[in-house]
Amino acid sequence: MIREIDIKDRKAAVQVLSVQLPAYKIEAEIIGCPDLPPLKDTADDLRITGETFLGYFIGEKLCGVISFF
């Protein structure tokens, strides 16, 4: 199920990071950029982006995320 994530909620932001950071690590390896800026994101960074976040959930488990302005 896809639903909007309240990214201002710290627990939700931490959940998003748990999906986002592993994906960015793979991207960094593929493009040869170990200092990819999103790898330094924190939950607080996400909470103030102003972006809308949608999550794909299986039950209550967050399995994928997309964000946009």
Protein backbone atom coordinates (compact mmCIF):
# COMPACT_ATOMS: atom_id res chain seq x y z
CA MET A 1 0.00 0.00 0.00
CA ILE A 2 1.26 3.49 -0.83
CA ARG A 3 0.62 6.28 1.63
CA GLU A 4 1.98 9.68 2.52
CA ILE A 5 4.63 9.80 5.22
CA ASP A 6 4.55 12.57 7.82
CA ILE A 7 8.25 13.32 7.44
CA LYS A 8 8.10 15.90 10.24
CA ASP A 9 7.53 13.00 12.63
CA ARG A 10 10.99 11.95 13.83
CA LYS A 11 10.13 8.24 13.96
CA ALA A 12 8.91 8.40 10.34
CA ALA A 13 12.06 10.24 9.25
CA VAL A 14 14.22 7.54 10.86
CA GLN A 15 12.19 4.90 9.00
CA VAL A 16 12.77 6.72 5.71
CA LEU A 17 16.51 6.85 6.39
CA SER A 18 16.54 3.09 7.02
CA VAL A 19 15.41 2.62 3.40
CA GLN A 20 17.16 5.61 1.84
CA LEU A 21 20.72 5.19 3.12
CA PRO A 22 21.28 1.61 1.90
CA ALA A 23 19.98 2.62 -1.55
CA TYR A 24 22.30 5.63 -1.69
CA LYS A 25 25.25 3.46 -0.61
CA ILE A 26 24.65 1.23 -3.63
CA GLU A 27 24.30 4.27 -5.89
CA ALA A 28 27.56 5.72 -4.53
CA GLU A 29 29.37 2.47 -5.30
CA ILE A 30 27.93 2.28 -8.82
CA ILE A 31 28.92 5.83 -9.73
CA GLY A 32 32.20 5.77 -7.81
CA CYS A 33 31.32 8.62 -5.46
CA PRO A 34 31.85 7.54 -1.85
CA ASP A 35 31.05 11.06 -0.61
CA LEU A 36 27.60 11.23 -2.19
CA PRO A 37 25.87 14.07 -0.27
CA PRO A 38 22.64 12.17 0.57
CA LEU A 39 24.74 9.64 2.50
CA LYS A 40 25.20 12.38 5.11
CA ASP A 41 21.46 12.99 5.54
CA THR A 42 20.02 12.78 9.03
CA ALA A 43 16.45 12.44 10.22
CA ASP A 44 16.49 16.14 11.08
CA ASP A 45 17.66 16.98 7.54
CA LEU A 46 14.70 15.09 6.09
CA ARG A 47 12.25 16.73 8.48
CA ILE A 48 13.04 20.22 7.16
CA THR A 49 13.25 19.52 3.42
CA GLY A 50 9.75 20.71 2.61
CA GLU A 51 9.38 17.70 0.31
CA THR A 52 6.39 15.38 0.20
CA PHE A 53 7.29 11.76 0.97
CA LEU A 54 5.31 8.73 -0.15
CA GLY A 55 6.08 5.29 1.17
CA TYR A 56 5.32 1.80 -0.08
CA PHE A 57 4.36 -0.34 2.89
CA ILE A 58 3.85 -4.06 3.24
CA GLY A 59 1.81 -4.19 6.40
CA GLU A 60 3.57 -1.69 8.62
CA LYS A 61 7.02 -2.25 7.07
CA LEU A 62 8.32 0.59 4.92
CA CYS A 63 9.79 -0.98 1.78
CA GLY A 64 10.26 1.97 -0.57
CA VAL A 65 10.18 5.76 -0.60
CA ILE A 66 9.81 8.54 -3.12
CA SER A 67 9.91 12.25 -2.43
CA PHE A 68 9.14 15.35 -4.45
CA PHE A 69 8.59 19.09 -4.11
